[in-house]
Amino acid sequence: MLIKRLEQEAQRLGYRSLYLTTEDAKDLYAKADWQEIEYVRTPYGEAALMTKALTQADEDCVK
């Protein structure tokens, strides 16, 4: 899955957490264990601000 690969690469580069905004894919990211922080206004309208903490367990999923 592309989301998981992005998380793994970010962790490999030393990031401890990721953030994103999404106008219409909140459920997709929630299924990948991203947490909604709040709603924000973007140039495109209302969006969910989400975060994902990167942990050692995420790295163990890399094969």
C-alpha atoms as a PDB file:
ATOM      1  CA  MET A   1       0.000   0.000   0.000  1.00  0.00           C
ATOM      2  CA  LEU A   2       1.352   3.402  -0.953  1.00  0.00           C
ATOM      3  CA  ILE A   3       0.487   5.006   2.396  1.00  0.00           C
ATOM      4  CA  LYS A   4       2.440   2.351   4.318  1.00  0.00           C
ATOM      5  CA  ARG A   5       5.439   2.732   1.996  1.00  0.00           C
ATOM      6  CA  LEU A   6       5.443   6.499   2.561  1.00  0.00           C
ATOM      7  CA  GLU A   7       5.381   5.948   6.323  1.00  0.00           C
ATOM      8  CA  GLN A   8       8.258   3.474   6.126  1.00  0.00           C
ATOM      9  CA  GLU A   9      10.409   5.787   4.029  1.00  0.00           C
ATOM     10  CA  ALA A  10       9.739   8.731   6.347  1.00  0.00           C
ATOM     11  CA  GLN A  11      10.754   6.609   9.314  1.00  0.00           C
ATOM     12  CA  ARG A  12      13.910   5.465   7.518  1.00  0.00           C
ATOM     13  CA  LEU A  13      14.782   9.133   6.999  1.00  0.00           C
ATOM     14  CA  GLY A  14      14.402   9.772  10.729  1.00  0.00           C
ATOM     15  CA  TYR A  15      10.949  11.327  10.962  1.00  0.00           C
ATOM     16  CA  ARG A  16       8.976  10.500  14.096  1.00  0.00           C
ATOM     17  CA  SER A  17       5.573  11.656  12.869  1.00  0.00           C
ATOM     18  CA  LEU A  18       3.761  12.767   9.736  1.00  0.00           C
ATOM     19  CA  TYR A  19       0.982  15.285   9.137  1.00  0.00           C
ATOM     20  CA  LEU A  20      -1.424  15.795   6.260  1.00  0.00           C
ATOM     21  CA  THR A  21      -4.619  17.536   5.307  1.00  0.00           C
ATOM     22  CA  THR A  22      -7.356  15.884   3.301  1.00  0.00           C
ATOM     23  CA  GLU A  23     -10.659  17.191   2.059  1.00  0.00           C
ATOM     24  CA  ASP A  24     -12.199  13.838   1.175  1.00  0.00           C
ATOM     25  CA  ALA A  25      -9.967  10.886   2.138  1.00  0.00           C
ATOM     26  CA  LYS A  26     -10.229  11.019   5.933  1.00  0.00           C
ATOM     27  CA  ASP A  27     -11.676   7.500   6.133  1.00  0.00           C
ATOM     28  CA  LEU A  28      -8.874   6.062   4.001  1.00  0.00           C
ATOM     29  CA  TYR A  29      -6.201   7.475   6.309  1.00  0.00           C
ATOM     30  CA  ALA A  30      -8.151   6.539   9.438  1.00  0.00           C
ATOM     31  CA  LYS A  31      -8.082   2.911   8.263  1.00  0.00           C
ATOM     32  CA  ALA A  32      -4.275   3.243   8.113  1.00  0.00           C
ATOM     33  CA  ASP A  33      -4.242   4.397  11.772  1.00  0.00           C
ATOM     34  CA  TRP A  34      -3.908   8.126  11.115  1.00  0.00           C
ATOM     35  CA  GLN A  35      -5.516  10.297  13.798  1.00  0.00           C
ATOM     36  CA  GLU A  36      -7.664  13.332  13.084  1.00  0.00           C
ATOM     37  CA  ILE A  37      -6.448  16.385  15.012  1.00  0.00           C
ATOM     38  CA  GLU A  38      -8.916  19.032  13.878  1.00  0.00           C
ATOM     39  CA  TYR A  39     -10.560  20.611  10.868  1.00  0.00           C
ATOM     40  CA  VAL A  40      -8.716  23.426   9.136  1.00  0.00           C
ATOM     41  CA  ARG A  41      -9.492  25.813   6.307  1.00  0.00           C
ATOM     42  CA  THR A  42      -7.335  25.413   3.203  1.00  0.00           C
ATOM     43  CA  PRO A  43      -7.422  27.230  -0.147  1.00  0.00           C
ATOM     44  CA  TYR A  44      -9.576  24.298  -1.311  1.00  0.00           C
ATOM     45  CA  GLY A  45     -12.068  24.374   1.571  1.00  0.00           C
ATOM     46  CA  GLU A  46     -12.460  22.566   4.887  1.00  0.00           C
ATOM     47  CA  ALA A  47     -10.011  19.724   5.469  1.00  0.00           C
ATOM     48  CA  ALA A  48      -9.153  17.266   8.196  1.00  0.00           C
ATOM     49  CA  LEU A  49      -5.695  17.765   9.675  1.00  0.00           C
ATOM     50  CA  MET A  50      -4.341  14.315  10.496  1.00  0.00           C
ATOM     51  CA  THR A  51      -1.200  12.865  12.044  1.00  0.00           C
ATOM     52  CA  LYS A  52       0.543   9.518  12.287  1.00  0.00           C
ATOM     53  CA  ALA A  53       3.213   8.718  14.870  1.00  0.00           C
ATOM     54  CA  LEU A  54       5.890   6.496  13.388  1.00  0.00           C
ATOM     55  CA  THR A  55       6.954   3.667  15.661  1.00  0.00           C
ATOM     56  CA  GLN A  56       9.359   0.752  15.643  1.00  0.00           C
ATOM     57  CA  ALA A  57       6.387  -1.543  14.965  1.00  0.00           C
ATOM     58  CA  ASP A  58       5.830   0.254  11.636  1.00  0.00           C
ATOM     59  CA  GLU A  59       9.415  -0.495  10.630  1.00  0.00           C
ATOM     60  CA  ASP A  60       8.994  -4.185  11.450  1.00  0.00           C
ATOM     61  CA  CYS A  61       6.347  -4.411   8.716  1.00  0.00           C
ATOM     62  CA  VAL A  62       8.929  -3.735   5.979  1.00  0.00           C
ATOM     63  CA  LYS A  63       9.772  -6.869   4.011  1.00  0.00           C
END
